[in-house]
Amino acid sequence: MTLPMVTVVIPSFNQAQYLDAAIRSVFEQSLPVEVFVLDGGSSDGSLDIIKKWQDRLSGWRSHADNGQASAINEGVALGSAPFVCWLNSDDFFEPGGLKALLAAFMECPDAPAVYGRAWNLKQRTGKKSPIWVERFDTDRLAKRCIISQPATLISRRAWESVGGVDPVLHMTMDYDLWWRLLRQCGPLVFVDRFVATNREHDDTKTRTLRRRHYQEAIQTVRQYYGKVPLRWWLAWPYSVWFKALQNRYVR
């Protein structure tokens, strides 16, 4: 039997309309993977989708838990593959995306993590646009999160050295993780290819809890960079107030 190369954790809660596409995108990667679905006790038909795939899943459960970050850590701990990632149940991998990230690791085996480009898909309109992703630079990371979470792959060794994602955080657990990987293990490696898609819809946390998301991000920058670049304060009116009003109008 071929040993899995990647542990993929899919945390989910009441995302039945997207979950099937997320799971399918993993198994279409032509890679030996182990996939764990950590469902928070959904009541919307998610279990029917999980059971549809259960013969190919390495594990799954469905019950109330302590939140997304805790579920991600739980899922990664269940696996044994040398590389790990999580895919939110409303996102999906592009064809060959995960394979491209793994290939980058073969060229940079000492990297704590690799990341590629990602699309943003607006569910309401079907419009697809590139997410702002850049080559890794500490000063640029301090000014904005230049890494898109669904487009990342992490060394299990590095993951375990930093203790996974912080279960206390609910909005910026990924941004916080990039900083801790950088501080303890070294720079992350950029892959110039579109490898995943982030789905934007009315119920995403970044839309419904925009102010909290921004506040957590600023706290993260201050903690690891020592100061908050001016860009964060200048962008606040647009990123929080205007976007919140815009979302309310669209809904």
Foldseek 3Di string as FASTA:
>chain_A
DDAFQEEEEEEDEQPQVQQLQAVVQVVLQPGRYAYEYEYQAHDNCNVVSCVVCVVVHPYYDYHHDLADQVSQLVRVVVDDHQKYAYDYSNKHWDHNLVVLQVVVCVVVVLAQKEFEWEWEAEPVPRDIDTDQADFDDPVVLLLDPNGDRVGMMGGVVLCVVQVHFDSVDHQPSVSLSQLSSCVPRNHYGYDHDHTIYHYDYLPDCCQVVVVVNLVVSQVSSCVRVVHHDPNSVVCCCCSPVVSNVVSVVVD
